[in-house]
Amino acid sequence: MDLSASTLWWLATGALVVLELTSATFYLLMLAAGTAAAALAAHAGLGVTAQIVIAAGVGGGATALLYRLRRQRIQVAPAPQNRDLHLDIGATVQVSHWNPDGTTRVDHRGTQWNARLAHGHSGQPGPHRISAVEAQGLVLVPLSPAA
């Protein structure tokens, strides 16, 4: 049985995809894109040297681009301020009064919550935005009068 160059490239692509699925690195998927590009080059009748250059260029370029994008990704907020973990962050609540210790109770989502004022803000009654969710309750910042 004689295997063509394109068949070998497609087998390499399949092997890289299987390895990526078992390791979940995603970089192997970029290399698989390079071998798939080389298989297409083989189908187009390009020589072996061109196929290798295309595989290296596409796979290496995609890997470098993925690495760069991951390095530039926005840093994830700490858990108490992470909107992906706490859907309440950004919601508005009404504060009727503040206790002398800087705490209050607010109605939010149909129940009473303990809340405290975020550091650096003064406690005044009125609308507040939830800036974090902690084990003790909500952390609030006052909304500006324009909001």
N, C-alpha and C. Protein backbone atom coordinates (compact mmCIF):
# COMPACT_ATOMS: atom_id res chain seq x y z
N MET A 1 0.85 -1.17 0.00
CA MET A 1 0.00 0.00 0.00
C MET A 1 0.89 1.23 0.00
N ASP A 2 0.65 2.11 -0.94
CA ASP A 2 1.45 3.32 -1.09
C ASP A 2 0.63 4.52 -0.61
N LEU A 3 1.15 5.21 0.39
CA LEU A 3 0.44 6.38 0.93
C LEU A 3 0.98 7.64 0.29
N SER A 4 0.10 8.51 -0.15
CA SER A 4 0.53 9.77 -0.74
C SER A 4 0.93 10.74 0.36
N ALA A 5 1.60 11.81 -0.03
CA ALA A 5 2.04 12.82 0.94
C ALA A 5 0.85 13.45 1.65
N SER A 6 -0.22 13.72 0.90
CA SER A 6 -1.39 14.34 1.53
C SER A 6 -2.01 13.41 2.57
N THR A 7 -2.02 12.11 2.30
CA THR A 7 -2.57 11.15 3.27
C THR A 7 -1.74 11.15 4.55
N LEU A 8 -0.43 11.22 4.41
CA LEU A 8 0.44 11.27 5.60
C LEU A 8 0.20 12.55 6.41
N TRP A 9 0.01 13.66 5.70
CA TRP A 9 -0.26 14.91 6.41
C TRP A 9 -1.61 14.83 7.13
N TRP A 10 -2.62 14.22 6.48
CA TRP A 10 -3.92 14.09 7.13
C TRP A 10 -3.84 13.17 8.34
N LEU A 11 -3.04 12.11 8.26
CA LEU A 11 -2.85 11.23 9.42
C LEU A 11 -2.17 11.98 10.56
N ALA A 12 -1.18 12.80 10.22
CA ALA A 12 -0.50 13.61 11.25
C ALA A 12 -1.49 14.59 11.88
N THR A 13 -2.35 15.18 11.06
CA THR A 13 -3.37 16.10 11.57
C THR A 13 -4.29 15.38 12.55
N GLY A 14 -4.76 14.21 12.15
CA GLY A 14 -5.63 13.43 13.03
C GLY A 14 -4.95 13.06 14.34
N ALA A 15 -3.69 12.66 14.25
CA ALA A 15 -2.96 12.30 15.48
C ALA A 15 -2.81 13.51 16.40
N LEU A 16 -2.52 14.68 15.83
CA LEU A 16 -2.38 15.88 16.66
C LEU A 16 -3.72 16.27 17.30
N VAL A 17 -4.81 16.11 16.57
CA VAL A 17 -6.12 16.42 17.13
C VAL A 17 -6.44 15.46 18.28
N VAL A 18 -6.14 14.19 18.10
CA VAL A 18 -6.38 13.21 19.17
C VAL A 18 -5.52 13.55 20.40
N LEU A 19 -4.27 13.89 20.19
CA LEU A 19 -3.40 14.27 21.31
C LEU A 19 -3.92 15.52 22.00
N GLU A 20 -4.43 16.47 21.22
CA GLU A 20 -4.96 17.69 21.81
C GLU A 20 -6.19 17.38 22.66
N LEU A 21 -7.04 16.49 22.17
CA LEU A 21 -8.24 16.14 22.93
C LEU A 21 -7.90 15.43 24.24
N THR A 22 -6.81 14.69 24.28
CA THR A 22 -6.44 14.00 25.51
C THR A 22 -5.64 14.90 26.45
N SER A 23 -4.98 15.92 25.93
CA SER A 23 -4.17 16.78 26.79
C SER A 23 -4.79 18.14 27.05
N ALA A 24 -5.69 18.59 26.18
CA ALA A 24 -6.38 19.87 26.31
C ALA A 24 -5.41 21.05 26.38
N THR A 25 -4.37 21.02 25.56
CA THR A 25 -3.41 22.12 25.57
C THR A 25 -3.76 23.22 24.58
N PHE A 26 -4.51 22.94 23.57
CA PHE A 26 -4.93 23.83 22.51
C PHE A 26 -3.79 24.22 21.57
N TYR A 27 -2.54 24.16 22.04
CA TYR A 27 -1.41 24.45 21.16
C TYR A 27 -1.26 23.34 20.11
N LEU A 28 -1.57 22.12 20.48
CA LEU A 28 -1.50 21.03 19.51
C LEU A 28 -2.52 21.22 18.39
N LEU A 29 -3.63 21.86 18.70
CA LEU A 29 -4.61 22.14 17.66
C LEU A 29 -4.06 23.15 16.65
N MET A 30 -3.24 24.07 17.10
CA MET A 30 -2.61 25.02 16.19
C MET A 30 -1.61 24.29 15.28
N LEU A 31 -0.88 23.34 15.84
CA LEU A 31 0.04 22.54 15.02
C LEU A 31 -0.74 21.67 14.04
N ALA A 32 -1.90 21.18 14.45
CA ALA A 32 -2.75 20.40 13.55
C ALA A 32 -3.22 21.27 12.38
N ALA A 33 -3.46 22.54 12.63
CA ALA A 33 -3.84 23.44 11.54
C ALA A 33 -2.69 23.55 10.54
N GLY A 34 -1.46 23.53 11.03
CA GLY A 34 -0.31 23.56 10.14
C GLY A 34 -0.20 22.31 9.28
N THR A 35 -0.42 21.16 9.88
CA THR A 35 -0.35 19.92 9.10
C THR A 35 -1.51 19.82 8.11
N ALA A 36 -2.67 20.36 8.48
CA ALA A 36 -3.80 20.38 7.54
C ALA A 36 -3.48 21.29 6.36
N ALA A 37 -2.83 22.42 6.63
CA ALA A 37 -2.43 23.31 5.53
C ALA A 37 -1.42 22.62 4.62
N ALA A 38 -0.52 21.84 5.21
CA ALA A 38 0.44 21.09 4.40
C ALA A 38 -0.26 20.03 3.57
N ALA A 39 -1.29 19.40 4.11
CA ALA A 39 -2.05 18.40 3.35
C ALA A 39 -2.74 19.07 2.15
N LEU A 40 -3.27 20.25 2.36
CA LEU A 40 -3.89 20.98 1.26
C LEU A 40 -2.85 21.37 0.21
N ALA A 41 -1.65 21.71 0.68
CA ALA A 41 -0.57 22.03 -0.26
C ALA A 41 -0.19 20.79 -1.07
N ALA A 42 -0.21 19.64 -0.44
CA ALA A 42 0.09 18.39 -1.15
C ALA A 42 -0.99 18.11 -2.19
N HIS A 43 -2.24 18.35 -1.83
CA HIS A 43 -3.33 18.18 -2.79
C HIS A 43 -3.16 19.14 -3.98
N ALA A 44 -2.61 20.33 -3.70
CA ALA A 44 -2.41 21.32 -4.77
C ALA A 44 -1.21 20.99 -5.65
N GLY A 45 -0.44 19.97 -5.27
CA GLY A 45 0.68 19.53 -6.08
C GLY A 45 2.00 20.20 -5.75
N LEU A 46 2.08 20.90 -4.62
CA LEU A 46 3.35 21.51 -4.22
C LEU A 46 4.33 20.44 -3.76
N GLY A 47 5.60 20.76 -3.81
CA GLY A 47 6.64 19.81 -3.42
C GLY A 47 6.72 19.61 -1.92
N VAL A 48 7.50 18.60 -1.55
CA VAL A 48 7.64 18.26 -0.13
C VAL A 48 8.24 19.41 0.66
N THR A 49 9.22 20.10 0.10
CA THR A 49 9.84 21.23 0.80
C THR A 49 8.81 22.32 1.07
N ALA A 50 8.00 22.63 0.08
CA ALA A 50 6.96 23.64 0.26
C ALA A 50 5.94 23.20 1.30
N GLN A 51 5.61 21.91 1.30
CA GLN A 51 4.66 21.40 2.29
C GLN A 51 5.20 21.56 3.70
N ILE A 52 6.48 21.25 3.89
CA ILE A 52 7.09 21.38 5.22
C ILE A 52 7.15 22.84 5.65
N VAL A 53 7.50 23.73 4.71
CA VAL A 53 7.56 25.16 5.03
C VAL A 53 6.17 25.67 5.40
N ILE A 54 5.14 25.24 4.67
CA ILE A 54 3.76 25.66 4.98
C ILE A 54 3.32 25.11 6.34
N ALA A 55 3.63 23.85 6.61
CA ALA A 55 3.26 23.26 7.91
C ALA A 55 3.93 24.02 9.05
N ALA A 56 5.20 24.32 8.89
CA ALA A 56 5.93 25.04 9.94
C ALA A 56 5.42 26.47 10.07
N GLY A 57 5.18 27.11 8.93
CA GLY A 57 4.72 28.50 8.97
C GLY A 57 3.34 28.66 9.58
N VAL A 58 2.40 27.85 9.12
CA VAL A 58 1.03 27.95 9.63
C VAL A 58 0.96 27.46 11.08
N GLY A 59 1.52 26.30 11.35
CA GLY A 59 1.48 25.76 12.71
C GLY A 59 2.24 26.61 13.70
N GLY A 60 3.45 27.00 13.32
CA GLY A 60 4.26 27.84 14.21
C GLY A 60 3.65 29.22 14.38
N GLY A 61 3.16 29.79 13.28
CA GLY A 61 2.53 31.11 13.37
C GLY A 61 1.28 31.10 14.23
N ALA A 62 0.45 30.09 14.04
CA ALA A 62 -0.77 30.00 14.85
C ALA A 62 -0.45 29.79 16.32
N THR A 63 0.57 28.99 16.60
CA THR A 63 0.99 28.75 17.98
C THR A 63 1.52 30.04 18.60
N ALA A 64 2.34 30.76 17.86
CA ALA A 64 2.89 32.03 18.37
C ALA A 64 1.77 33.05 18.60
N LEU A 65 0.81 33.10 17.68
CA LEU A 65 -0.30 34.03 17.83
C LEU A 65 -1.15 33.68 19.05
N LEU A 66 -1.43 32.39 19.24
CA LEU A 66 -2.19 31.96 20.41
C LEU A 66 -1.45 32.30 21.69
N TYR A 67 -0.15 32.07 21.72
CA TYR A 67 0.65 32.39 22.91
C TYR A 67 0.57 33.89 23.20
N ARG A 68 0.71 34.70 22.17
CA ARG A 68 0.68 36.15 22.36
C ARG A 68 -0.68 36.60 22.86
N LEU A 69 -1.75 36.07 22.28
CA LEU A 69 -3.10 36.45 22.72
C LEU A 69 -3.36 36.05 24.16
N ARG A 70 -2.87 34.89 24.55
CA ARG A 70 -3.07 34.45 25.94
C ARG A 70 -2.27 35.30 26.91
N ARG A 71 -1.11 35.78 26.50
CA ARG A 71 -0.29 36.63 27.36
C ARG A 71 -0.91 38.02 27.52
N GLN A 72 -1.63 38.49 26.51
CA GLN A 72 -2.23 39.81 26.55
C GLN A 72 -3.63 39.81 27.14
N ARG A 73 -4.14 38.62 27.45
CA ARG A 73 -5.50 38.52 27.96
C ARG A 73 -5.65 39.34 29.24
N ILE A 74 -6.82 39.92 29.39
CA ILE A 74 -7.11 40.72 30.58
C ILE A 74 -7.04 39.82 31.80
N GLN A 75 -6.40 40.33 32.85
CA GLN A 75 -6.28 39.56 34.08
C GLN A 75 -7.66 39.35 34.69
N VAL A 76 -7.88 38.17 35.22
CA VAL A 76 -9.16 37.83 35.83
C VAL A 76 -9.26 38.54 37.18
N ALA A 77 -10.41 39.11 37.44
CA ALA A 77 -10.64 39.80 38.71
C ALA A 77 -10.62 38.79 39.85
N PRO A 78 -10.23 39.24 41.05
CA PRO A 78 -10.30 38.34 42.21
C PRO A 78 -11.73 37.84 42.40
N ALA A 79 -11.88 36.69 43.01
CA ALA A 79 -13.19 36.04 43.13
C ALA A 79 -14.28 36.95 43.68
N PRO A 80 -14.04 37.75 44.74
CA PRO A 80 -15.15 38.58 45.24
C PRO A 80 -15.65 39.63 44.23
N GLN A 81 -14.79 40.08 43.31
CA GLN A 81 -15.19 41.09 42.33
C GLN A 81 -15.41 40.51 40.93
N ASN A 82 -15.36 39.20 40.77
CA ASN A 82 -15.46 38.58 39.46
C ASN A 82 -16.92 38.43 39.05
N ARG A 83 -17.32 39.16 38.00
CA ARG A 83 -18.72 39.12 37.53
C ARG A 83 -19.08 37.77 36.94
N ASP A 84 -18.09 36.99 36.53
CA ASP A 84 -18.38 35.66 36.01
C ASP A 84 -18.81 34.71 37.12
N LEU A 85 -18.37 34.97 38.34
CA LEU A 85 -18.73 34.13 39.48
C LEU A 85 -19.95 34.65 40.23
N HIS A 86 -20.11 35.97 40.26
CA HIS A 86 -21.19 36.58 41.03
C HIS A 86 -21.99 37.49 40.11
N LEU A 87 -23.14 37.03 39.70
CA LEU A 87 -23.97 37.79 38.79
C LEU A 87 -24.61 39.01 39.45
N ASP A 88 -24.53 39.11 40.78
CA ASP A 88 -25.10 40.25 41.50
C ASP A 88 -24.24 41.51 41.34
N ILE A 89 -22.97 41.34 41.01
CA ILE A 89 -22.07 42.50 40.90
C ILE A 89 -22.58 43.41 39.79
N GLY A 90 -22.70 44.68 40.13
CA GLY A 90 -23.20 45.67 39.18
C GLY A 90 -24.67 45.99 39.39
N ALA A 91 -25.38 45.16 40.16
CA ALA A 91 -26.80 45.41 40.43
C ALA A 91 -26.93 46.61 41.38
N THR A 92 -28.07 47.25 41.33
CA THR A 92 -28.33 48.42 42.18
C THR A 92 -29.26 48.03 43.31
N VAL A 93 -28.95 48.52 44.50
CA VAL A 93 -29.79 48.31 45.68
C VAL A 93 -30.06 49.67 46.32
N GLN A 94 -31.13 49.75 47.09
CA GLN A 94 -31.49 50.98 47.79
C GLN A 94 -31.13 50.83 49.26
N VAL A 95 -30.36 51.77 49.80
CA VAL A 95 -29.98 51.76 51.21
C VAL A 95 -30.80 52.82 51.93
N SER A 96 -31.55 52.40 52.96
CA SER A 96 -32.37 53.35 53.70
C SER A 96 -31.58 54.02 54.83
N HIS A 97 -30.67 53.29 55.44
CA HIS A 97 -29.84 53.87 56.51
C HIS A 97 -28.58 53.02 56.69
N TRP A 98 -27.56 53.62 57.27
CA TRP A 98 -26.31 52.93 57.58
C TRP A 98 -26.16 52.83 59.08
N ASN A 99 -25.68 51.70 59.57
CA ASN A 99 -25.37 51.54 60.99
C ASN A 99 -24.06 52.26 61.29
N PRO A 100 -23.82 52.60 62.55
CA PRO A 100 -22.57 53.30 62.89
C PRO A 100 -21.30 52.52 62.51
N ASP A 101 -21.39 51.19 62.46
CA ASP A 101 -20.20 50.40 62.11
C ASP A 101 -20.00 50.26 60.60
N GLY A 102 -20.80 50.95 59.79
CA GLY A 102 -20.63 50.92 58.34
C GLY A 102 -21.33 49.76 57.66
N THR A 103 -22.26 49.14 58.35
CA THR A 103 -23.00 48.02 57.76
C THR A 103 -24.47 48.41 57.61
N THR A 104 -25.20 47.62 56.85
CA THR A 104 -26.62 47.83 56.66
C THR A 104 -27.26 46.53 56.20
N ARG A 105 -28.57 46.52 56.08
CA ARG A 105 -29.32 45.40 55.50
C ARG A 105 -30.05 45.96 54.29
N VAL A 106 -29.97 45.24 53.17
CA VAL A 106 -30.63 45.70 51.94
C VAL A 106 -31.47 44.57 51.37
N ASP A 107 -32.52 44.96 50.65
CA ASP A 107 -33.34 43.99 49.93
C ASP A 107 -32.73 43.79 48.55
N HIS A 108 -32.47 42.52 48.22
CA HIS A 108 -31.91 42.20 46.91
C HIS A 108 -32.36 40.80 46.54
N ARG A 109 -32.92 40.65 45.37
CA ARG A 109 -33.41 39.37 44.87
C ARG A 109 -34.40 38.72 45.84
N GLY A 110 -35.25 39.53 46.43
CA GLY A 110 -36.33 39.00 47.26
C GLY A 110 -35.94 38.60 48.66
N THR A 111 -34.76 38.97 49.11
CA THR A 111 -34.36 38.62 50.48
C THR A 111 -33.50 39.73 51.05
N GLN A 112 -33.27 39.65 52.35
CA GLN A 112 -32.43 40.63 53.04
C GLN A 112 -30.97 40.17 53.00
N TRP A 113 -30.08 41.09 52.69
CA TRP A 113 -28.65 40.80 52.64
C TRP A 113 -27.92 41.72 53.60
N ASN A 114 -26.87 41.18 54.23
CA ASN A 114 -25.94 42.03 54.96
C ASN A 114 -25.09 42.76 53.93
N ALA A 115 -24.76 43.99 54.21
CA ALA A 115 -23.93 44.75 53.28
C ALA A 115 -23.03 45.67 54.07
N ARG A 116 -21.92 46.00 53.47
CA ARG A 116 -21.01 46.98 54.05
C ARG A 116 -20.58 47.94 52.96
N LEU A 117 -20.10 49.08 53.39
CA LEU A 117 -19.65 50.10 52.46
C LEU A 117 -18.22 49.80 52.03
N ALA A 118 -17.93 49.97 50.77
CA ALA A 118 -16.58 49.76 50.27
C ALA A 118 -15.65 50.80 50.90
N HIS A 119 -14.39 50.44 51.07
CA HIS A 119 -13.41 51.35 51.67
C HIS A 119 -13.28 52.62 50.84
N GLY A 120 -13.19 53.74 51.53
CA GLY A 120 -12.99 55.01 50.85
C GLY A 120 -14.27 55.72 50.47
N HIS A 121 -15.42 55.21 50.87
CA HIS A 121 -16.69 55.84 50.54
C HIS A 121 -17.42 56.20 51.83
N SER A 122 -18.24 57.27 51.76
CA SER A 122 -19.02 57.66 52.93
C SER A 122 -20.42 57.07 52.83
N GLY A 123 -20.97 56.71 53.98
CA GLY A 123 -22.26 56.06 54.01
C GLY A 123 -23.41 57.04 54.04
N GLN A 124 -24.11 57.17 52.93
CA GLN A 124 -25.29 58.02 52.82
C GLN A 124 -26.44 57.15 52.31
N PRO A 125 -27.65 57.40 52.76
CA PRO A 125 -28.79 56.66 52.21
C PRO A 125 -28.95 56.95 50.72
N GLY A 126 -29.52 55.99 50.00
CA GLY A 126 -29.76 56.19 48.57
C GLY A 126 -29.35 54.97 47.77
N PRO A 127 -29.31 55.13 46.45
CA PRO A 127 -28.96 53.99 45.59
C PRO A 127 -27.47 53.67 45.66
N HIS A 128 -27.17 52.39 45.68
CA HIS A 128 -25.79 51.91 45.71
C HIS A 128 -25.65 50.77 44.71
N ARG A 129 -24.42 50.59 44.24
CA ARG A 129 -24.11 49.51 43.30
C ARG A 129 -23.32 48.45 44.05
N ILE A 130 -23.61 47.17 43.77
CA ILE A 130 -22.87 46.06 44.37
C ILE A 130 -21.54 45.95 43.63
N SER A 131 -20.43 46.10 44.39
CA SER A 131 -19.11 46.02 43.76
C SER A 131 -18.41 44.70 44.04
N ALA A 132 -18.86 43.97 45.05
CA ALA A 132 -18.26 42.68 45.37
C ALA A 132 -19.23 41.87 46.22
N VAL A 133 -19.02 40.57 46.21
CA VAL A 133 -19.79 39.67 47.05
C VAL A 133 -18.79 38.90 47.90
N GLU A 134 -18.92 39.05 49.21
CA GLU A 134 -18.03 38.36 50.14
C GLU A 134 -18.85 37.39 50.99
N ALA A 135 -18.16 36.60 51.78
CA ALA A 135 -18.85 35.63 52.63
C ALA A 135 -19.79 36.32 53.60
N GLN A 136 -19.43 37.52 54.06
CA GLN A 136 -20.26 38.23 55.01
C GLN A 136 -21.43 38.94 54.35
N GLY A 137 -21.40 39.10 53.05
CA GLY A 137 -22.50 39.78 52.35
C GLY A 137 -22.00 40.59 51.18
N LEU A 138 -22.70 41.68 50.91
CA LEU A 138 -22.42 42.52 49.75
C LEU A 138 -21.50 43.68 50.13
N VAL A 139 -20.71 44.12 49.17
CA VAL A 139 -19.91 45.33 49.33
C VAL A 139 -20.51 46.36 48.38
N LEU A 140 -20.85 47.54 48.92
CA LEU A 140 -21.56 48.55 48.15
C LEU A 140 -20.74 49.81 47.94
N VAL A 141 -20.97 50.42 46.79
CA VAL A 141 -20.42 51.77 46.52
C VAL A 141 -21.59 52.65 46.14
N PRO A 142 -21.59 53.91 46.62
CA PRO A 142 -22.71 54.79 46.28
C PRO A 142 -22.70 55.13 44.79
N LEU A 143 -23.89 55.25 44.23
CA LEU A 143 -24.01 55.73 42.86
C LEU A 143 -23.87 57.23 42.85
N SER A 144 -23.25 57.75 41.84
CA SER A 144 -23.11 59.20 41.75
C SER A 144 -24.48 59.81 41.52
N PRO A 145 -24.69 61.05 41.90
CA PRO A 145 -26.00 61.68 41.71
C PRO A 145 -26.45 61.71 40.26
N ALA A 146 -25.49 61.69 39.31
CA ALA A 146 -25.84 61.70 37.88
C ALA A 146 -26.37 60.34 37.42
N ALA A 147 -26.04 59.27 38.16
CA ALA A 147 -26.48 57.94 37.76
C ALA A 147 -27.87 57.75 38.20
